[in-house]
Amino acid sequence: MASGGKLEVDVEIKSAAKKFWDNIRDSTTLFPKAFPDQYKSIEILEGDGKAAGSTRLFTYGEGKKAHTHVQLALYN
């Protein structure tokens, strides 16, 4: 049975903000290549996949039973 909800998480990152954001922006192509056993695909559902407000669908690797929608947001 499917369920839905919202999860918000605060994470402290020890990296330059630009470098971290550039990697997150490129995760649509980077994650499935870097972690093929974890990510089957990442599709862009809304927006360009890189800007705030974009929505992505994460399909996890074989044996994983979840899909995740992620909407990007920018905070100062």
N, C-alpha and C. Protein backbone atom coordinates (compact mmCIF):
# COMPACT_ATOMS: atom_id res chain seq x y z
N MET A 1 0.83 -1.16 0.00
CA MET A 1 0.00 0.00 0.00
C MET A 1 0.89 1.24 0.00
N ALA A 2 0.56 2.20 -0.83
CA ALA A 2 1.34 3.43 -0.92
C ALA A 2 0.97 4.38 0.21
N SER A 3 1.94 5.15 0.61
CA SER A 3 1.67 6.18 1.60
C SER A 3 2.37 7.45 1.16
N GLY A 4 1.93 8.55 1.68
CA GLY A 4 2.53 9.83 1.31
C GLY A 4 2.82 10.63 2.55
N GLY A 5 3.56 11.68 2.38
CA GLY A 5 3.87 12.54 3.50
C GLY A 5 4.94 13.53 3.11
N LYS A 6 5.38 14.26 4.09
CA LYS A 6 6.41 15.27 3.86
C LYS A 6 7.50 15.08 4.90
N LEU A 7 8.73 15.12 4.46
CA LEU A 7 9.87 14.98 5.34
C LEU A 7 10.80 16.15 5.10
N GLU A 8 11.13 16.87 6.15
CA GLU A 8 12.10 17.94 6.07
C GLU A 8 13.25 17.61 6.99
N VAL A 9 14.47 17.78 6.48
CA VAL A 9 15.66 17.42 7.24
C VAL A 9 16.68 18.55 7.15
N ASP A 10 17.28 18.90 8.26
CA ASP A 10 18.40 19.85 8.28
C ASP A 10 19.68 19.04 8.40
N VAL A 11 20.63 19.32 7.52
CA VAL A 11 21.90 18.61 7.51
C VAL A 11 23.02 19.63 7.42
N GLU A 12 24.03 19.48 8.27
CA GLU A 12 25.20 20.35 8.19
C GLU A 12 26.19 19.75 7.20
N ILE A 13 26.57 20.53 6.22
CA ILE A 13 27.49 20.08 5.16
C ILE A 13 28.81 20.82 5.32
N LYS A 14 29.90 20.07 5.33
CA LYS A 14 31.22 20.68 5.42
C LYS A 14 31.83 20.73 4.03
N SER A 15 31.38 21.72 3.27
CA SER A 15 31.82 21.91 1.89
C SER A 15 31.51 23.35 1.51
N ALA A 16 32.21 23.82 0.51
CA ALA A 16 31.87 25.14 -0.02
C ALA A 16 30.45 25.08 -0.58
N ALA A 17 29.66 26.10 -0.31
CA ALA A 17 28.26 26.10 -0.73
C ALA A 17 28.12 25.92 -2.23
N LYS A 18 28.92 26.62 -3.02
CA LYS A 18 28.81 26.51 -4.48
C LYS A 18 29.13 25.10 -4.96
N LYS A 19 30.18 24.50 -4.43
CA LYS A 19 30.55 23.14 -4.83
C LYS A 19 29.43 22.15 -4.48
N PHE A 20 28.89 22.27 -3.28
CA PHE A 20 27.80 21.38 -2.87
C PHE A 20 26.57 21.57 -3.76
N TRP A 21 26.16 22.82 -3.96
CA TRP A 21 24.97 23.08 -4.78
C TRP A 21 25.18 22.61 -6.21
N ASP A 22 26.36 22.81 -6.79
CA ASP A 22 26.63 22.34 -8.15
C ASP A 22 26.46 20.82 -8.24
N ASN A 23 26.91 20.09 -7.23
CA ASN A 23 26.75 18.63 -7.23
C ASN A 23 25.29 18.22 -7.09
N ILE A 24 24.54 18.90 -6.25
CA ILE A 24 23.11 18.60 -6.11
C ILE A 24 22.38 18.91 -7.41
N ARG A 25 22.71 20.03 -8.03
CA ARG A 25 22.07 20.39 -9.30
C ARG A 25 22.34 19.34 -10.37
N ASP A 26 23.53 18.76 -10.36
CA ASP A 26 23.89 17.76 -11.36
C ASP A 26 23.55 16.34 -10.94
N SER A 27 22.91 16.17 -9.81
CA SER A 27 22.62 14.82 -9.30
C SER A 27 21.69 14.02 -10.20
N THR A 28 20.91 14.69 -11.04
CA THR A 28 20.02 13.98 -11.95
C THR A 28 20.81 13.03 -12.84
N THR A 29 21.98 13.44 -13.28
CA THR A 29 22.82 12.56 -14.09
C THR A 29 23.94 11.92 -13.27
N LEU A 30 24.44 12.65 -12.27
CA LEU A 30 25.58 12.17 -11.49
C LEU A 30 25.25 10.96 -10.62
N PHE A 31 24.15 10.99 -9.86
CA PHE A 31 23.84 9.91 -8.93
C PHE A 31 23.65 8.55 -9.60
N PRO A 32 22.86 8.44 -10.69
CA PRO A 32 22.73 7.12 -11.32
C PRO A 32 24.04 6.57 -11.88
N LYS A 33 24.95 7.45 -12.29
CA LYS A 33 26.25 6.99 -12.79
C LYS A 33 27.18 6.61 -11.65
N ALA A 34 27.18 7.42 -10.58
CA ALA A 34 28.09 7.18 -9.45
C ALA A 34 27.61 6.04 -8.55
N PHE A 35 26.29 5.88 -8.45
CA PHE A 35 25.70 4.88 -7.56
C PHE A 35 24.66 4.05 -8.30
N PRO A 36 25.06 3.28 -9.34
CA PRO A 36 24.07 2.57 -10.17
C PRO A 36 23.27 1.52 -9.41
N ASP A 37 23.82 0.98 -8.33
CA ASP A 37 23.08 -0.01 -7.56
C ASP A 37 22.04 0.66 -6.66
N GLN A 38 22.19 1.94 -6.39
CA GLN A 38 21.25 2.66 -5.53
C GLN A 38 20.17 3.42 -6.31
N TYR A 39 20.54 3.99 -7.46
CA TYR A 39 19.61 4.82 -8.23
C TYR A 39 19.44 4.26 -9.63
N LYS A 40 18.23 3.86 -9.96
CA LYS A 40 17.94 3.38 -11.31
C LYS A 40 17.82 4.57 -12.26
N SER A 41 17.08 5.59 -11.82
CA SER A 41 16.93 6.79 -12.64
C SER A 41 16.45 7.95 -11.77
N ILE A 42 16.67 9.15 -12.29
CA ILE A 42 16.12 10.36 -11.70
C ILE A 42 15.51 11.15 -12.84
N GLU A 43 14.19 11.32 -12.80
CA GLU A 43 13.47 12.03 -13.85
C GLU A 43 13.09 13.42 -13.37
N ILE A 44 13.11 14.37 -14.29
CA ILE A 44 12.66 15.73 -14.00
C ILE A 44 11.18 15.80 -14.34
N LEU A 45 10.34 16.07 -13.35
CA LEU A 45 8.90 16.14 -13.55
C LEU A 45 8.43 17.57 -13.80
N GLU A 46 9.05 18.54 -13.14
CA GLU A 46 8.69 19.94 -13.31
C GLU A 46 9.95 20.78 -13.30
N GLY A 47 9.95 21.85 -14.07
CA GLY A 47 11.09 22.76 -14.10
C GLY A 47 12.24 22.19 -14.92
N ASP A 48 13.42 22.73 -14.69
CA ASP A 48 14.59 22.28 -15.45
C ASP A 48 15.43 21.26 -14.68
N GLY A 49 15.00 20.95 -13.46
CA GLY A 49 15.73 19.97 -12.66
C GLY A 49 16.87 20.56 -11.87
N LYS A 50 17.16 21.83 -12.09
CA LYS A 50 18.29 22.46 -11.41
C LYS A 50 17.87 23.67 -10.59
N ALA A 51 16.82 24.34 -10.98
CA ALA A 51 16.40 25.56 -10.30
C ALA A 51 15.43 25.25 -9.17
N ALA A 52 15.34 26.20 -8.23
CA ALA A 52 14.37 26.07 -7.15
C ALA A 52 12.98 25.91 -7.74
N GLY A 53 12.19 25.04 -7.14
CA GLY A 53 10.84 24.75 -7.62
C GLY A 53 10.78 23.56 -8.56
N SER A 54 11.93 23.07 -9.02
CA SER A 54 11.95 21.88 -9.86
C SER A 54 11.53 20.66 -9.03
N THR A 55 10.90 19.70 -9.68
CA THR A 55 10.49 18.47 -9.01
C THR A 55 11.11 17.30 -9.74
N ARG A 56 11.70 16.37 -8.97
CA ARG A 56 12.35 15.18 -9.54
C ARG A 56 11.72 13.93 -8.97
N LEU A 57 11.74 12.87 -9.76
CA LEU A 57 11.29 11.56 -9.32
C LEU A 57 12.50 10.64 -9.26
N PHE A 58 12.83 10.16 -8.05
CA PHE A 58 13.94 9.23 -7.85
C PHE A 58 13.38 7.81 -7.90
N THR A 59 13.93 6.97 -8.78
CA THR A 59 13.59 5.55 -8.81
C THR A 59 14.84 4.82 -8.36
N TYR A 60 14.70 4.10 -7.27
CA TYR A 60 15.85 3.44 -6.67
C TYR A 60 16.16 2.12 -7.37
N GLY A 61 17.37 1.60 -7.14
CA GLY A 61 17.86 0.40 -7.81
C GLY A 61 17.05 -0.85 -7.51
N GLU A 62 17.42 -1.90 -8.18
CA GLU A 62 16.75 -3.19 -8.05
C GLU A 62 16.64 -3.60 -6.59
N GLY A 63 15.47 -4.07 -6.24
CA GLY A 63 15.24 -4.50 -4.87
C GLY A 63 14.76 -3.38 -3.96
N LYS A 64 14.90 -2.14 -4.41
CA LYS A 64 14.41 -1.01 -3.63
C LYS A 64 12.94 -0.81 -3.99
N LYS A 65 12.11 -0.51 -3.03
CA LYS A 65 10.67 -0.46 -3.27
C LYS A 65 10.07 0.91 -3.05
N ALA A 66 10.81 1.95 -3.36
CA ALA A 66 10.27 3.29 -3.11
C ALA A 66 10.59 4.22 -4.28
N HIS A 67 9.72 5.16 -4.46
CA HIS A 67 9.95 6.29 -5.36
C HIS A 67 9.90 7.53 -4.47
N THR A 68 10.70 8.51 -4.78
CA THR A 68 10.75 9.72 -3.98
C THR A 68 10.60 10.92 -4.90
N HIS A 69 9.68 11.81 -4.58
CA HIS A 69 9.57 13.08 -5.28
C HIS A 69 10.34 14.11 -4.46
N VAL A 70 11.19 14.87 -5.12
CA VAL A 70 11.98 15.88 -4.44
C VAL A 70 11.72 17.22 -5.11
N GLN A 71 11.36 18.22 -4.33
CA GLN A 71 11.21 19.57 -4.86
C GLN A 71 12.34 20.41 -4.30
N LEU A 72 13.08 21.07 -5.19
CA LEU A 72 14.22 21.86 -4.77
C LEU A 72 13.77 23.22 -4.24
N ALA A 73 14.41 23.64 -3.17
CA ALA A 73 14.12 24.94 -2.58
C ALA A 73 15.44 25.59 -2.20
N LEU A 74 15.49 26.89 -2.28
CA LEU A 74 16.69 27.64 -1.91
C LEU A 74 16.41 28.40 -0.62
N TYR A 75 17.35 28.34 0.31
CA TYR A 75 17.25 29.08 1.56
C TYR A 75 18.51 29.88 1.75
N ASN A 76 18.37 31.04 2.31
CA ASN A 76 19.55 31.88 2.59
C ASN A 76 20.03 31.62 4.00
